[in-house]
Protein backbone atom coordinates (compact mmCIF):
# COMPACT_ATOMS: atom_id res chain seq x y z
CA MET A 1 -0.42 -66.11 -37.55
CA SER A 2 -3.49 -65.17 -35.39
CA LYS A 3 -2.88 -64.52 -31.81
CA ARG A 4 -4.51 -66.99 -29.33
CA ASP A 5 -7.12 -65.42 -26.86
CA TYR A 6 -5.17 -64.17 -23.71
CA TYR A 7 -7.67 -66.03 -21.43
CA GLU A 8 -7.08 -69.15 -23.26
CA VAL A 9 -3.33 -68.86 -23.04
CA LEU A 10 -3.62 -68.83 -19.25
CA GLY A 11 -6.31 -71.46 -19.16
CA LEU A 12 -8.91 -69.31 -17.59
CA ALA A 13 -12.40 -67.87 -17.97
CA LYS A 14 -13.19 -64.26 -18.58
CA SER A 15 -14.80 -64.07 -15.04
CA ALA A 16 -11.28 -65.08 -13.38
CA SER A 17 -10.34 -62.87 -10.50
CA ASP A 18 -7.03 -60.87 -10.42
CA ASP A 19 -5.80 -63.66 -8.01
CA GLU A 20 -6.52 -66.27 -10.35
CA ILE A 21 -4.95 -64.63 -13.16
CA LYS A 22 -1.73 -64.31 -11.07
CA ARG A 23 -1.73 -67.79 -9.62
CA ALA A 24 -2.28 -69.26 -13.32
CA PHE A 25 0.70 -67.05 -14.68
CA ARG A 26 3.08 -68.32 -11.98
CA LYS A 27 2.45 -71.83 -12.47
CA ALA A 28 2.65 -71.84 -16.28
CA ALA A 29 5.90 -69.48 -16.28
CA MET A 30 7.45 -71.83 -13.91
CA GLN A 31 6.52 -74.72 -16.57
CA TRP A 32 7.34 -72.94 -19.50
CA HIS A 33 10.46 -70.70 -18.21
CA PRO A 34 13.58 -70.97 -21.01
CA ASP A 35 15.95 -71.78 -17.88
CA ARG A 36 13.96 -74.77 -17.33
CA ASN A 37 13.78 -75.69 -20.94
CA PRO A 38 17.04 -75.06 -22.64
CA GLY A 39 16.98 -75.08 -26.32
CA ASN A 40 13.12 -75.80 -26.52
CA THR A 41 11.89 -73.32 -29.00
CA ALA A 42 8.38 -74.31 -28.41
CA ALA A 43 9.02 -73.46 -24.69
CA GLU A 44 10.33 -70.08 -25.51
CA HIS A 45 7.46 -69.16 -27.70
CA LYS A 46 4.91 -70.30 -25.05
CA PHE A 47 6.61 -68.28 -22.32
CA LYS A 48 6.44 -65.13 -24.67
CA GLU A 49 2.98 -65.82 -25.09
CA LEU A 50 2.41 -66.15 -21.35
CA ASN A 51 4.12 -62.96 -20.69
CA GLU A 52 2.13 -61.10 -23.07
CA ALA A 53 -1.15 -62.33 -21.96
CA TYR A 54 -0.40 -61.51 -18.24
CA GLU A 55 0.90 -57.95 -19.21
CA ILE A 56 -2.59 -57.32 -20.55
CA LEU A 57 -4.77 -59.29 -18.19
CA SER A 58 -2.98 -57.90 -14.79
CA ASP A 59 -3.51 -54.33 -15.77
CA ALA A 60 -7.25 -53.29 -15.00
CA GLN A 61 -7.18 -50.65 -17.80
CA LYS A 62 -5.58 -52.96 -20.42
CA ARG A 63 -7.79 -55.78 -19.47
CA ALA A 64 -10.99 -53.80 -19.91
CA ALA A 65 -9.86 -52.82 -23.56
CA TYR A 66 -9.15 -56.05 -24.24
CA ASP A 67 -12.43 -57.46 -22.98
CA GLN A 68 -14.11 -54.81 -25.21
CA LEU A 69 -12.04 -54.86 -28.40
CA GLY A 70 -9.91 -57.89 -28.16
CA HIS A 71 -6.49 -57.84 -29.90
CA ALA A 72 -7.54 -54.88 -31.78
CA ALA A 73 -7.21 -52.63 -28.86
CA PHE A 74 -3.44 -52.91 -29.30
CA ALA A 75 -3.05 -53.28 -32.87
CA GLN A 76 -1.72 -49.73 -33.39
CA GLY A 77 1.31 -50.34 -31.16
CA ALA A 78 4.37 -52.50 -31.69
CA GLY A 79 3.07 -54.69 -28.95
CA PRO A 80 1.14 -54.64 -25.77
CA GLY A 81 1.34 -51.25 -24.28
CA GLY A 82 3.22 -50.04 -27.36
CA ARG A 83 6.75 -51.34 -26.16
CA GLY A 84 7.33 -53.92 -28.88
CA ALA A 85 8.29 -57.54 -28.25
CA GLY A 86 10.98 -57.00 -25.76
CA PHE A 87 10.25 -58.39 -22.13
CA ASP A 88 10.04 -55.95 -19.26
CA PHE A 89 10.21 -57.66 -15.81
CA SER A 90 8.55 -54.95 -13.76
CA GLY A 91 5.49 -55.11 -11.41
CA GLY A 92 3.99 -58.29 -10.93
CA PHE A 93 6.32 -60.46 -13.04
CA ALA A 94 9.48 -59.24 -11.41
CA ASP A 95 7.97 -60.33 -8.13
CA MET A 96 7.21 -63.84 -9.67
CA PHE A 97 10.89 -63.82 -11.10
CA ASP A 98 12.40 -63.38 -7.72
CA ASP A 99 10.37 -66.08 -6.34
CA LEU A 100 11.43 -68.48 -8.85
CA PHE A 101 14.70 -67.62 -9.87
CA GLY A 102 16.42 -65.18 -7.18
CA GLU A 103 18.64 -67.67 -5.62
CA ILE A 104 19.95 -68.83 -8.90
CA LEU A 105 20.64 -65.20 -10.35
CA GLY A 106 22.29 -63.91 -7.28
CA GLY A 107 21.55 -61.91 -4.27
CA GLY A 108 19.00 -64.49 -2.85
CA ARG A 109 15.45 -63.63 -2.42
CA ARG A 110 14.48 -60.15 -1.90
CA GLY A 111 12.05 -61.06 1.00
CA GLY A 112 9.88 -58.19 -0.03
CA ARG A 113 10.76 -54.61 -1.29
CA GLN A 114 12.30 -52.41 1.10
CA ASP A 115 11.57 -48.45 1.37
CA ARG A 116 15.19 -47.71 1.54
CA PRO A 117 17.86 -49.25 -1.00
CA GLY A 118 19.69 -52.12 0.71
CA ALA A 119 18.04 -51.94 3.87
CA ALA A 120 17.31 -55.37 5.52
CA ARG A 121 15.39 -56.60 8.69
CA GLY A 122 17.53 -57.75 11.45
CA ALA A 123 17.67 -61.34 12.16
CA ASP A 124 15.37 -63.09 14.84
CA LEU A 125 17.08 -64.33 17.87
CA ARG A 126 16.41 -67.48 20.12
CA PHE A 127 17.24 -67.31 23.70
CA ASN A 128 16.82 -70.56 25.68
CA MET A 129 15.91 -70.19 29.60
CA GLU A 130 15.62 -72.99 32.06
CA ILE A 131 13.26 -72.03 35.07
CA ALA A 132 12.29 -73.95 38.18
CA LEU A 133 8.69 -75.19 38.65
CA GLU A 134 8.11 -72.73 41.56
CA ASP A 135 8.61 -69.90 38.96
CA ALA A 136 6.37 -71.39 36.52
CA TYR A 137 3.82 -71.61 39.27
CA ARG A 138 4.14 -67.95 40.63
CA GLY A 139 5.57 -66.18 37.71
CA LYS A 140 8.86 -64.29 37.67
CA LYS A 141 10.74 -61.16 36.39
CA THR A 142 14.19 -61.55 35.61
CA GLN A 143 17.00 -59.99 33.77
CA ILE A 144 18.88 -61.45 30.83
CA ARG A 145 21.89 -60.85 28.81
CA VAL A 146 21.66 -61.55 25.10
CA PRO A 147 24.64 -61.18 22.54
CA SER A 148 23.53 -59.53 19.10
CA MET A 149 24.25 -57.08 16.51
CA GLN A 150 23.40 -53.74 17.68
CA PRO A 151 23.70 -50.41 15.76
CA CYS A 152 27.05 -48.80 16.26
CA GLU A 153 27.03 -45.69 18.48
CA SER A 154 29.76 -43.95 16.79
CA CYS A 155 28.47 -43.53 13.38
CA GLU A 156 24.65 -44.22 14.49
CA GLY A 157 24.43 -46.94 12.22
CA SER A 158 25.38 -45.11 9.10
CA GLY A 159 28.72 -46.99 8.50
CA ALA A 160 30.49 -43.67 7.73
CA ALA A 161 33.27 -42.13 9.66
CA GLU A 162 32.80 -38.83 11.57
CA GLY A 163 32.21 -36.07 9.24
CA ALA A 164 31.81 -38.27 6.29
CA LYS A 165 28.76 -39.38 4.39
CA PRO A 166 27.79 -42.25 2.27
CA THR A 167 27.71 -41.37 -1.46
CA THR A 168 25.33 -42.68 -4.12
CA CYS A 169 26.51 -45.79 -6.01
CA HIS A 170 27.62 -44.73 -9.56
CA ALA A 171 26.79 -48.34 -10.89
CA CYS A 172 23.04 -48.21 -9.79
CA ARG A 173 22.41 -44.68 -9.25
CA GLY A 174 21.19 -45.51 -5.90
CA ALA A 175 18.60 -48.10 -6.79
CA GLY A 176 20.39 -50.89 -5.26
CA ARG A 177 19.69 -53.14 -8.55
CA VAL A 178 21.11 -53.23 -11.72
CA ARG A 179 19.43 -54.59 -14.92
CA ALA A 180 21.26 -56.89 -17.62
CA THR A 181 19.76 -58.01 -21.05
CA GLN A 182 20.24 -61.74 -21.65
CA GLY A 183 18.87 -62.89 -25.13
CA PHE A 184 15.22 -61.80 -25.24
CA PHE A 185 14.49 -60.98 -21.62
CA THR A 186 15.97 -58.82 -18.96
CA ILE A 187 17.32 -59.85 -15.68
CA GLU A 188 17.33 -57.54 -12.58
CA ARG A 189 19.76 -58.49 -9.81
CA THR A 190 21.78 -56.97 -6.90
CA CYS A 191 24.18 -54.31 -7.78
CA PRO A 192 27.56 -55.91 -7.24
CA ALA A 193 29.24 -52.36 -6.73
CA CYS A 194 27.31 -51.51 -3.56
CA GLN A 195 25.84 -55.08 -2.64
CA GLY A 196 22.32 -53.66 -3.02
CA VAL A 197 22.66 -50.67 -0.71
CA GLY A 198 22.58 -48.02 -3.40
CA ARG A 199 25.26 -46.24 -1.30
CA VAL A 200 29.00 -46.53 -1.20
CA ILE A 201 31.22 -45.25 2.07
CA ASP A 202 34.69 -43.81 1.08
CA LYS A 203 35.69 -43.35 4.72
CA PRO A 204 34.08 -46.23 6.82
CA CYS A 205 33.66 -46.03 10.52
CA ARG A 206 36.45 -47.59 12.43
CA SER A 207 34.45 -48.87 15.02
CA CYS A 208 32.23 -50.97 12.87
CA GLN A 209 34.32 -51.09 9.62
CA GLY A 210 31.37 -49.60 7.89
CA GLY A 211 29.04 -52.16 8.67
CA GLY A 212 26.92 -49.88 10.88
CA ARG A 213 26.59 -52.71 13.59
CA VAL A 214 28.87 -54.06 16.43
CA HIS A 215 28.47 -57.05 18.44
CA ARG A 216 27.63 -56.65 22.10
CA GLU A 217 25.40 -57.78 24.76
CA LYS A 218 22.20 -56.20 25.90
CA ALA A 219 20.49 -56.42 29.11
CA LEU A 220 16.70 -57.13 28.73
CA SER A 221 13.85 -57.52 31.51
CA VAL A 222 11.85 -60.40 31.07
CA THR A 223 8.41 -61.29 32.62
CA ILE A 224 7.47 -64.81 32.95
CA PRO A 225 3.63 -65.26 33.58
CA PRO A 226 2.29 -67.90 35.78
CA GLY A 227 1.38 -71.32 34.18
CA VAL A 228 3.89 -71.52 31.48
CA GLU A 229 5.02 -74.88 30.27
CA ASP A 230 7.86 -76.58 28.46
CA ASN A 231 8.68 -74.93 25.12
CA THR A 232 6.50 -71.96 25.96
CA ARG A 233 7.58 -69.04 23.79
CA ILE A 234 7.85 -65.35 24.69
CA ARG A 235 8.49 -62.81 22.03
CA LEU A 236 10.05 -59.57 22.70
CA ALA A 237 9.38 -57.47 19.54
CA GLY A 238 12.02 -55.51 18.28
CA GLU A 239 14.74 -57.01 20.58
CA GLY A 240 16.64 -59.12 17.86
CA GLU A 241 19.47 -57.92 16.03
CA ALA A 242 19.63 -54.64 14.66
CA GLY A 243 18.63 -54.10 10.88
CA VAL A 244 21.18 -53.69 8.08
CA ARG A 245 21.54 -50.30 6.65
CA GLY A 246 18.58 -48.64 8.46
CA GLY A 247 16.18 -51.70 8.23
CA PRO A 248 13.94 -52.58 11.10
CA PRO A 249 15.11 -54.73 14.08
CA GLY A 250 14.27 -58.47 14.35
CA ASP A 251 12.48 -59.86 17.34
CA LEU A 252 13.87 -62.12 20.19
CA TYR A 253 12.32 -65.31 20.97
CA ILE A 254 12.67 -66.75 24.42
CA PHE A 255 12.05 -70.70 24.70
CA LEU A 256 11.38 -71.93 28.28
CA SER A 257 12.30 -75.18 29.69
CA LEU A 258 11.42 -76.31 33.23
CA LYS A 259 13.84 -78.06 35.44
CA PRO A 260 13.15 -81.48 36.98
CA HIS A 261 11.68 -80.93 40.39
CA ARG A 262 12.76 -83.13 43.39
CA LEU A 263 9.06 -83.83 44.63
CA PHE A 264 6.68 -83.10 41.95
CA GLN A 265 5.93 -84.20 38.40
CA ARG A 266 3.80 -81.96 35.88
CA GLU A 267 1.21 -83.55 33.73
CA ALA A 268 -0.47 -80.25 31.97
CA LEU A 269 -2.13 -78.29 34.92
CA ASN A 270 -1.88 -81.26 37.27
CA LEU A 271 0.97 -82.22 39.48
CA LEU A 272 1.82 -85.74 40.79
CA CYS A 273 3.59 -86.25 44.07
CA ARG A 274 4.71 -90.01 45.19
CA ALA A 275 4.81 -89.86 49.31
CA PRO A 276 6.11 -93.14 51.14
CA ILE A 277 3.93 -93.92 54.42
CA PRO A 278 4.99 -96.36 57.14
CA MET A 279 3.57 -99.98 57.12
CA THR A 280 1.72 -99.34 60.38
CA VAL A 281 0.02 -96.02 58.97
CA ALA A 282 -1.24 -97.88 55.75
CA ALA A 283 -2.40 -100.81 58.08
CA LEU A 284 -4.11 -98.88 60.88
CA GLY A 285 -4.73 -95.71 59.25
CA GLY A 286 -3.42 -92.12 59.96
CA ALA A 287 -2.63 -88.87 58.41
CA ILE A 288 0.47 -87.55 56.62
CA GLU A 289 1.33 -83.89 55.43
CA VAL A 290 2.28 -83.08 52.00
CA PRO A 291 3.85 -80.01 50.52
CA THR A 292 2.14 -77.96 47.89
CA LEU A 293 3.69 -75.21 45.55
CA ASP A 294 1.72 -72.35 47.40
CA GLY A 295 3.85 -73.20 50.48
CA GLU A 296 0.85 -73.91 52.69
CA GLY A 297 1.01 -77.73 52.71
CA ALA A 298 -1.85 -80.20 53.15
CA LYS A 299 -2.97 -82.98 55.35
CA ILE A 300 -4.26 -86.13 53.95
CA SER A 301 -6.13 -88.99 56.03
CA ILE A 302 -4.86 -92.23 55.22
CA PRO A 303 -7.75 -94.78 55.83
CA ALA A 304 -6.90 -98.36 57.31
CA GLY A 305 -6.06 -100.77 54.76
CA THR A 306 -4.41 -98.49 52.27
CA GLN A 307 -2.38 -100.19 49.54
CA THR A 308 0.62 -99.03 47.31
CA GLY A 309 -0.54 -96.95 44.51
CA LYS A 310 -3.50 -95.31 46.04
CA GLN A 311 -3.92 -92.02 44.81
CA PHE A 312 -5.44 -88.93 46.80
CA ARG A 313 -6.47 -85.76 45.02
CA LEU A 314 -6.14 -82.31 46.33
CA ARG A 315 -8.21 -79.94 44.22
CA GLY A 316 -6.93 -76.61 43.29
CA LYS A 317 -3.34 -77.48 44.34
CA GLY A 318 -1.98 -77.95 40.96
CA MET A 319 -0.66 -75.38 38.22
CA PRO A 320 -2.47 -72.24 37.17
CA GLU A 321 -3.63 -72.07 33.62
CA LEU A 322 -1.57 -69.66 31.56
CA ARG A 323 -3.67 -66.89 30.63
CA GLY A 324 -6.85 -68.49 31.96
CA ASN A 325 -8.66 -69.16 35.28
CA GLN A 326 -8.38 -72.81 35.84
CA THR A 327 -6.03 -74.27 38.41
CA GLY A 328 -5.18 -78.04 38.14
CA ASP A 329 -5.08 -80.55 40.98
CA LEU A 330 -2.45 -82.06 43.01
CA PHE A 331 -2.40 -86.13 42.92
CA VAL A 332 -0.58 -87.83 45.87
CA GLU A 333 0.45 -91.28 45.27
CA VAL A 334 1.34 -93.44 48.48
CA MET A 335 4.06 -96.19 48.73
CA ILE A 336 4.11 -98.48 51.53
CA GLU A 337 7.51 -98.65 52.92
CA THR A 338 8.83 -101.96 54.34
CA PRO A 339 10.39 -101.16 57.90
CA VAL A 340 14.29 -101.96 57.92
CA HIS A 341 16.96 -101.99 60.87
CA LEU A 342 14.44 -103.69 63.29
CA SER A 343 15.34 -103.98 66.76
CA LYS A 344 14.76 -107.22 68.58
CA ARG A 345 11.81 -106.50 70.25
CA GLN A 346 10.17 -105.20 66.79
CA LYS A 347 11.24 -108.51 65.34
CA GLU A 348 9.31 -110.54 67.99
CA LEU A 349 6.20 -108.20 67.41
CA LEU A 350 6.29 -108.94 63.66
CA GLU A 351 6.66 -112.70 64.42
CA GLU A 352 3.84 -112.65 66.51
CA PHE A 353 1.77 -110.95 63.96
CA ARG A 354 2.72 -113.52 61.23
CA GLN A 355 1.72 -116.27 63.31
CA ALA A 356 -1.83 -114.61 63.80
CA GLU A 357 -2.10 -113.90 60.08
CA SER A 358 -4.85 -115.19 57.98
CA GLY A 359 -6.50 -115.16 54.72
CA LYS A 360 -8.68 -112.13 55.75
CA THR A 361 -5.41 -110.31 56.73
CA ASN A 362 -4.06 -110.55 53.44
CA PRO A 363 -6.60 -111.27 50.70
CA GLU A 364 -4.46 -110.31 47.62
CA THR A 365 -1.70 -112.82 48.85
CA GLU A 366 -4.20 -115.67 49.41
CA SER A 367 -5.81 -115.16 45.97
CA PHE A 368 -2.39 -114.97 44.21
CA LEU A 369 -1.40 -118.25 45.65
CA ALA A 370 -4.64 -119.86 44.99
CA ARG A 371 -4.13 -118.94 41.24
CA VAL A 372 -0.54 -120.47 41.36
CA LYS A 373 -1.98 -123.67 42.76
CA GLU A 374 -4.50 -123.82 40.07
CA LEU A 375 -1.83 -123.30 37.55
CA TRP A 376 0.23 -125.93 38.74
CA ASN A 377 -2.56 -128.47 38.85
CA ASP A 378 -3.51 -127.65 35.16
CA LEU A 379 0.21 -128.12 34.12
CA LYS A 380 0.33 -131.53 35.80
CA THR A 381 -2.94 -132.98 33.87
């Protein structure tokens, strides 16, 4: 039975790039893998055919020979590369195999190869910090204490007791991975004897029980730049948990949240402040003083006849832009306060004022009463 063209097997043109070959193989391998098609002989044959095609086309030299001579380039060997019909899950196929089936076969996903057997990057940490609006305005330097896993000082992270050294694992010979043949293909998995470390410790460190890490708090200095907002994230590289078995440390991510302020509400770069004013100031006009985050304060002139909800804008008195040059504005919204606890004389004066009121004095009230009267008349007809 003649072999199909390798490009046809992968559904590609001869001009396909290396990335296109790899993507096509991964997609087809997921579909036809025997674990996903138990008892399906056709799927097993298809999977074998895919692996054979990928082995040739993923290698630059083999692909060049195939493009020139076709299958005849490998006719003298027992199979592609002279290895026979067995399956070798090294190189690109091993990466694909881990991606698809790493969790099923034990050990989880490898997350990339390590230079040192068993070494793993430390976990990233999250630290939630609540700050005042004033700190977000000016910026702040502060100290925090973060509990995490740090290298054991007694054994310097090796996990071995003083004077002892880890020895090479006899099961995997220091590789951290072992291979087992199942049926027509070979599976590579984490070494069960050393848990992927490649070494075993006969005399573990008493301080860390052989783990190479201990739990303790670490003091860190944090600089909060001006202009930060809710959920701003600050990354401290290498300040997360220590790596496992000599792996690099993780990162620390600080998530900021702003405490509610007693006077101001923040809307992006702008601030909003609601300020009550006496009825007399609203009617006759005047001036009020309002606070600002820069501590200087500002005066606002209130024109006569000001109504509740009127906003006054103070340019440049808002929040600074994070890592930028812009500054927001402060909006002051006035609310007219109705006087309470009136003296006898104050009541007399207000009564005199009420007697002198007219439609021109309260135009909004007169307009509302007119609309109410029209509604009543419409309901009666």
